[in-house]
Amino acid sequence: QNGEIDFDQKRLETIQRGALSRGGFLLEQYISAIDERFAGITIEQRARAVLELADWYQWNGSKRRASEQYEAVVKILTEGGQGGLMQAWFGQPVELPDNGVFWQPPLPGPETEPSVVTATYDVTSQGSVKKLSVDVEGEAPVYRFKRELKNTRFRPRYDTDGESVYVEKLSREYELYD
């Protein structure tokens, strides 16, 4: 804009820079509050709160902090005898955010016919996609999908020893909509 400073853009950039630390701080406060105030909190509830913090860090690219929190969740679950939750949360890599966005029910009606893409890829022990290949039904352009999937952060798979695991040849189907 002819060398003028865009104050709205600068403000937005400042907010974005502080979002990671602010979100992490709020989640850490929440975890401290439930530990102090709720003696009857279940292992699952405590582990879920720490998992949310770990996912927050992972989704925002702070892999070291995420790894520390994921290891804490694994410890909580294994020491608490929660093998079922351990398998559900860490048995396979999970696309982030883990809010159901990747697992939506089909939309009703024939007017929305999605293209189905089968993607096969590796997920590193840090949650990054490698060796991506896709197979698509129909004529859907997949270049944007491939770029977005490569940029998607995953919750890594963890074993019961608290070690993140490199997963090879994970295969999933995704629906693409225009």
C-alpha atoms as a PDB file:
ATOM      1  CA  GLN A   1       0.000   0.000   0.000  1.00  0.00           C
ATOM      2  CA  ASN A   2       2.539   2.526  -1.193  1.00  0.00           C
ATOM      3  CA  GLY A   3       4.882   2.031   1.760  1.00  0.00           C
ATOM      4  CA  GLU A   4       2.179   2.669   4.363  1.00  0.00           C
ATOM      5  CA  ILE A   5       2.126   0.553   7.497  1.00  0.00           C
ATOM      6  CA  ASP A   6      -0.884  -1.722   7.714  1.00  0.00           C
ATOM      7  CA  PHE A   7      -1.613  -1.545  11.442  1.00  0.00           C
ATOM      8  CA  ASP A   8      -4.333  -4.194  11.275  1.00  0.00           C
ATOM      9  CA  GLN A   9      -1.903  -6.628   9.650  1.00  0.00           C
ATOM     10  CA  LYS A  10       0.792  -5.829  12.234  1.00  0.00           C
ATOM     11  CA  ARG A  11      -1.694  -6.363  15.073  1.00  0.00           C
ATOM     12  CA  LEU A  12      -2.781  -9.715  13.620  1.00  0.00           C
ATOM     13  CA  GLU A  13       0.850 -10.827  13.279  1.00  0.00           C
ATOM     14  CA  THR A  14       1.507  -9.866  16.916  1.00  0.00           C
ATOM     15  CA  ILE A  15      -1.521 -11.851  18.079  1.00  0.00           C
ATOM     16  CA  GLN A  16      -0.430 -14.879  16.054  1.00  0.00           C
ATOM     17  CA  ARG A  17       3.100 -14.772  17.484  1.00  0.00           C
ATOM     18  CA  GLY A  18       1.723 -14.868  21.019  1.00  0.00           C
ATOM     19  CA  ALA A  19      -0.902 -17.554  20.375  1.00  0.00           C
ATOM     20  CA  LEU A  20       1.387 -20.554  20.948  1.00  0.00           C
ATOM     21  CA  SER A  21       2.659 -19.397  24.317  1.00  0.00           C
ATOM     22  CA  ARG A  22      -0.723 -18.042  25.428  1.00  0.00           C
ATOM     23  CA  GLY A  23      -2.553 -21.245  24.480  1.00  0.00           C
ATOM     24  CA  GLY A  24       0.091 -23.373  26.179  1.00  0.00           C
ATOM     25  CA  PHE A  25      -0.058 -21.195  29.292  1.00  0.00           C
ATOM     26  CA  LEU A  26      -3.859 -21.496  29.499  1.00  0.00           C
ATOM     27  CA  LEU A  27      -3.762 -25.279  29.106  1.00  0.00           C
ATOM     28  CA  GLU A  28      -0.999 -25.583  31.727  1.00  0.00           C
ATOM     29  CA  GLN A  29      -3.090 -23.457  34.118  1.00  0.00           C
ATOM     30  CA  TYR A  30      -6.071 -25.708  33.469  1.00  0.00           C
ATOM     31  CA  ILE A  31      -4.035 -28.833  34.257  1.00  0.00           C
ATOM     32  CA  SER A  32      -2.702 -27.252  37.474  1.00  0.00           C
ATOM     33  CA  ALA A  33      -6.212 -26.218  38.490  1.00  0.00           C
ATOM     34  CA  ILE A  34      -7.690 -29.681  38.020  1.00  0.00           C
ATOM     35  CA  ASP A  35      -4.794 -31.245  39.925  1.00  0.00           C
ATOM     36  CA  GLU A  36      -5.285 -28.857  42.861  1.00  0.00           C
ATOM     37  CA  ARG A  37      -9.062 -28.647  43.008  1.00  0.00           C
ATOM     38  CA  PHE A  38     -10.363 -32.017  41.927  1.00  0.00           C
ATOM     39  CA  ALA A  39      -9.073 -34.867  44.056  1.00  0.00           C
ATOM     40  CA  GLY A  40     -11.512 -37.225  42.361  1.00  0.00           C
ATOM     41  CA  ILE A  41     -10.271 -36.610  38.843  1.00  0.00           C
ATOM     42  CA  THR A  42      -9.909 -39.814  36.875  1.00  0.00           C
ATOM     43  CA  ILE A  43      -6.752 -40.978  35.163  1.00  0.00           C
ATOM     44  CA  GLU A  44      -8.511 -40.511  31.825  1.00  0.00           C
ATOM     45  CA  GLN A  45      -9.500 -36.917  32.605  1.00  0.00           C
ATOM     46  CA  ARG A  46      -5.989 -35.952  33.679  1.00  0.00           C
ATOM     47  CA  ALA A  47      -4.411 -37.728  30.724  1.00  0.00           C
ATOM     48  CA  ARG A  48      -6.885 -36.067  28.324  1.00  0.00           C
ATOM     49  CA  ALA A  49      -5.970 -32.617  29.647  1.00  0.00           C
ATOM     50  CA  VAL A  50      -2.244 -33.278  29.163  1.00  0.00           C
ATOM     51  CA  LEU A  51      -2.958 -34.772  25.714  1.00  0.00           C
ATOM     52  CA  GLU A  52      -4.718 -31.533  24.723  1.00  0.00           C
ATOM     53  CA  LEU A  53      -1.611 -29.593  25.744  1.00  0.00           C
ATOM     54  CA  ALA A  54       0.639 -31.963  23.790  1.00  0.00           C
ATOM     55  CA  ASP A  55      -1.580 -31.709  20.702  1.00  0.00           C
ATOM     56  CA  TRP A  56      -1.599 -27.913  21.027  1.00  0.00           C
ATOM     57  CA  TYR A  57       2.189 -27.793  20.969  1.00  0.00           C
ATOM     58  CA  GLN A  58       2.403 -30.333  18.133  1.00  0.00           C
ATOM     59  CA  TRP A  59      -0.186 -28.541  16.008  1.00  0.00           C
ATOM     60  CA  ASN A  60       1.676 -25.271  16.473  1.00  0.00           C
ATOM     61  CA  GLY A  61       5.046 -26.764  15.533  1.00  0.00           C
ATOM     62  CA  SER A  62       6.687 -26.967  18.958  1.00  0.00           C
ATOM     63  CA  LYS A  63       7.759 -30.595  18.615  1.00  0.00           C
ATOM     64  CA  ARG A  64      10.067 -30.683  21.648  1.00  0.00           C
ATOM     65  CA  ARG A  65       7.381 -29.425  24.012  1.00  0.00           C
ATOM     66  CA  ALA A  66       4.820 -31.717  22.400  1.00  0.00           C
ATOM     67  CA  SER A  67       7.099 -34.721  22.822  1.00  0.00           C
ATOM     68  CA  GLU A  68       7.577 -33.978  26.526  1.00  0.00           C
ATOM     69  CA  GLN A  69       3.821 -33.807  27.059  1.00  0.00           C
ATOM     70  CA  TYR A  70       3.081 -36.907  24.958  1.00  0.00           C
ATOM     71  CA  GLU A  71       5.594 -38.828  27.060  1.00  0.00           C
ATOM     72  CA  ALA A  72       3.818 -37.574  30.199  1.00  0.00           C
ATOM     73  CA  VAL A  73       0.475 -38.838  28.837  1.00  0.00           C
ATOM     74  CA  VAL A  74       1.980 -42.243  28.049  1.00  0.00           C
ATOM     75  CA  LYS A  75       3.358 -42.424  31.596  1.00  0.00           C
ATOM     76  CA  ILE A  76      -0.010 -41.482  33.130  1.00  0.00           C
ATOM     77  CA  LEU A  77      -1.816 -44.110  31.057  1.00  0.00           C
ATOM     78  CA  THR A  78       0.680 -46.945  31.507  1.00  0.00           C
ATOM     79  CA  GLU A  79       1.076 -46.380  35.255  1.00  0.00           C
ATOM     80  CA  GLY A  80      -2.706 -46.170  35.548  1.00  0.00           C
ATOM     81  CA  GLY A  81      -3.257 -49.436  33.690  1.00  0.00           C
ATOM     82  CA  GLN A  82      -5.120 -47.716  30.865  1.00  0.00           C
ATOM     83  CA  GLY A  83      -3.957 -49.869  27.952  1.00  0.00           C
ATOM     84  CA  GLY A  84      -7.196 -49.341  26.051  1.00  0.00           C
ATOM     85  CA  LEU A  85      -6.804 -45.568  26.087  1.00  0.00           C
ATOM     86  CA  MET A  86      -3.138 -45.913  25.239  1.00  0.00           C
ATOM     87  CA  GLN A  87      -4.084 -47.895  22.135  1.00  0.00           C
ATOM     88  CA  ALA A  88      -6.942 -45.543  21.195  1.00  0.00           C
ATOM     89  CA  TRP A  89      -4.881 -42.370  21.528  1.00  0.00           C
ATOM     90  CA  PHE A  90      -1.435 -43.577  20.432  1.00  0.00           C
ATOM     91  CA  GLY A  91      -1.920 -46.825  18.487  1.00  0.00           C
ATOM     92  CA  GLN A  92      -1.766 -45.001  15.149  1.00  0.00           C
ATOM     93  CA  PRO A  93      -0.780 -41.478  14.126  1.00  0.00           C
ATOM     94  CA  VAL A  94      -3.675 -39.006  14.375  1.00  0.00           C
ATOM     95  CA  GLU A  95      -4.184 -35.975  12.150  1.00  0.00           C
ATOM     96  CA  LEU A  96      -4.329 -32.721  14.081  1.00  0.00           C
ATOM     97  CA  PRO A  97      -6.444 -31.042  15.163  1.00  0.00           C
ATOM     98  CA  ASP A  98      -8.081 -34.124  16.673  1.00  0.00           C
ATOM     99  CA  ASN A  99     -11.550 -32.610  16.672  1.00  0.00           C
ATOM    100  CA  GLY A 100     -13.358 -34.837  14.185  1.00  0.00           C
ATOM    101  CA  VAL A 101     -12.639 -32.686  11.149  1.00  0.00           C
ATOM    102  CA  PHE A 102     -10.977 -35.617   9.358  1.00  0.00           C
ATOM    103  CA  TRP A 103     -13.771 -38.070  10.197  1.00  0.00           C
ATOM    104  CA  GLN A 104     -17.034 -36.427   9.175  1.00  0.00           C
ATOM    105  CA  PRO A 105     -20.154 -38.421   8.293  1.00  0.00           C
ATOM    106  CA  PRO A 106     -21.207 -38.354   4.632  1.00  0.00           C
ATOM    107  CA  LEU A 107     -23.404 -35.460   3.620  1.00  0.00           C
ATOM    108  CA  PRO A 108     -26.952 -36.371   2.599  1.00  0.00           C
ATOM    109  CA  GLY A 109     -28.033 -36.079  -1.000  1.00  0.00           C
ATOM    110  CA  PRO A 110     -26.492 -36.913  -4.344  1.00  0.00           C
ATOM    111  CA  GLU A 111     -25.670 -33.270  -5.206  1.00  0.00           C
ATOM    112  CA  THR A 112     -22.437 -33.452  -3.212  1.00  0.00           C
ATOM    113  CA  GLU A 113     -20.446 -36.271  -4.701  1.00  0.00           C
ATOM    114  CA  PRO A 114     -16.925 -36.139  -3.269  1.00  0.00           C
ATOM    115  CA  SER A 115     -13.807 -37.478  -4.873  1.00  0.00           C
ATOM    116  CA  VAL A 116     -12.181 -40.178  -2.777  1.00  0.00           C
ATOM    117  CA  VAL A 117      -8.421 -40.108  -2.441  1.00  0.00           C
ATOM    118  CA  THR A 118      -6.470 -42.988  -0.972  1.00  0.00           C
ATOM    119  CA  ALA A 119      -3.254 -41.633   0.477  1.00  0.00           C
ATOM    120  CA  THR A 120      -0.359 -43.819   1.543  1.00  0.00           C
ATOM    121  CA  TYR A 121       2.450 -42.242   3.517  1.00  0.00           C
ATOM    122  CA  ASP A 122       4.871 -42.596   6.383  1.00  0.00           C
ATOM    123  CA  VAL A 123       4.522 -40.583   9.590  1.00  0.00           C
ATOM    124  CA  THR A 124       7.788 -39.816  11.342  1.00  0.00           C
ATOM    125  CA  SER A 125       8.309 -40.152  15.072  1.00  0.00           C
ATOM    126  CA  GLN A 126       7.921 -36.351  15.203  1.00  0.00           C
ATOM    127  CA  GLY A 127       4.558 -36.419  13.378  1.00  0.00           C
ATOM    128  CA  SER A 128       5.563 -35.305   9.872  1.00  0.00           C
ATOM    129  CA  VAL A 129       4.380 -36.877   6.606  1.00  0.00           C
ATOM    130  CA  LYS A 130       6.984 -38.504   4.350  1.00  0.00           C
ATOM    131  CA  LYS A 131       6.854 -40.623   1.165  1.00  0.00           C
ATOM    132  CA  LEU A 132       3.332 -39.533   0.205  1.00  0.00           C
ATOM    133  CA  SER A 133       1.556 -41.196  -2.706  1.00  0.00           C
ATOM    134  CA  VAL A 134      -2.094 -40.851  -3.688  1.00  0.00           C
ATOM    135  CA  ASP A 135      -4.603 -42.810  -5.707  1.00  0.00           C
ATOM    136  CA  VAL A 136      -7.728 -40.923  -6.719  1.00  0.00           C
ATOM    137  CA  GLU A 137     -11.113 -41.956  -8.063  1.00  0.00           C
ATOM    138  CA  GLY A 138     -12.221 -39.773 -10.961  1.00  0.00           C
ATOM    139  CA  GLU A 139     -10.612 -36.585 -12.166  1.00  0.00           C
ATOM    140  CA  ALA A 140     -10.021 -34.717  -8.926  1.00  0.00           C
ATOM    141  CA  PRO A 141      -6.917 -32.524  -8.894  1.00  0.00           C
ATOM    142  CA  VAL A 142      -4.752 -33.749  -6.043  1.00  0.00           C
ATOM    143  CA  TYR A 143      -1.858 -31.266  -5.994  1.00  0.00           C
ATOM    144  CA  ARG A 144      -3.535 -29.058  -3.375  1.00  0.00           C
ATOM    145  CA  PHE A 145      -4.547 -32.086  -1.312  1.00  0.00           C
ATOM    146  CA  LYS A 146      -0.986 -33.432  -1.386  1.00  0.00           C
ATOM    147  CA  ARG A 147       0.433 -30.086  -0.281  1.00  0.00           C
ATOM    148  CA  GLU A 148      -2.082 -29.801   2.557  1.00  0.00           C
ATOM    149  CA  LEU A 149      -1.526 -33.378   3.746  1.00  0.00           C
ATOM    150  CA  LYS A 150       2.243 -32.876   3.726  1.00  0.00           C
ATOM    151  CA  ASN A 151       1.709 -29.805   5.914  1.00  0.00           C
ATOM    152  CA  THR A 152      -0.654 -31.592   8.300  1.00  0.00           C
ATOM    153  CA  ARG A 153       0.839 -32.310  11.687  1.00  0.00           C
ATOM    154  CA  PHE A 154       0.134 -35.659  13.282  1.00  0.00           C
ATOM    155  CA  ARG A 155       0.115 -36.912  16.829  1.00  0.00           C
ATOM    156  CA  PRO A 156       2.850 -39.556  16.534  1.00  0.00           C
ATOM    157  CA  ARG A 157       2.348 -43.191  17.405  1.00  0.00           C
ATOM    158  CA  TYR A 158       3.837 -44.066  20.805  1.00  0.00           C
ATOM    159  CA  ASP A 159       4.671 -47.458  22.250  1.00  0.00           C
ATOM    160  CA  THR A 160       4.082 -48.400  25.881  1.00  0.00           C
ATOM    161  CA  ASP A 161       7.718 -47.568  26.712  1.00  0.00           C
ATOM    162  CA  GLY A 162       6.998 -43.922  25.920  1.00  0.00           C
ATOM    163  CA  GLU A 163       8.934 -43.922  22.663  1.00  0.00           C
ATOM    164  CA  SER A 164       7.528 -42.299  19.540  1.00  0.00           C
ATOM    165  CA  VAL A 165       7.518 -44.636  16.553  1.00  0.00           C
ATOM    166  CA  TYR A 166       8.079 -44.067  12.818  1.00  0.00           C
ATOM    167  CA  VAL A 167       5.067 -45.569  11.005  1.00  0.00           C
ATOM    168  CA  GLU A 168       5.493 -46.793   7.440  1.00  0.00           C
ATOM    169  CA  LYS A 169       2.869 -47.134   4.718  1.00  0.00           C
ATOM    170  CA  LEU A 170      -0.096 -45.768   6.624  1.00  0.00           C
ATOM    171  CA  SER A 171      -3.072 -45.836   4.248  1.00  0.00           C
ATOM    172  CA  ARG A 172      -6.157 -43.660   4.691  1.00  0.00           C
ATOM    173  CA  GLU A 173      -9.046 -42.505   2.540  1.00  0.00           C
ATOM    174  CA  TYR A 174      -9.997 -38.844   2.344  1.00  0.00           C
ATOM    175  CA  GLU A 175     -12.969 -37.215   0.656  1.00  0.00           C
ATOM    176  CA  LEU A 176     -12.303 -34.087  -1.402  1.00  0.00           C
ATOM    177  CA  TYR A 177     -15.020 -31.490  -1.928  1.00  0.00           C
ATOM    178  CA  ASP A 178     -14.997 -28.528  -4.287  1.00  0.00           C
END
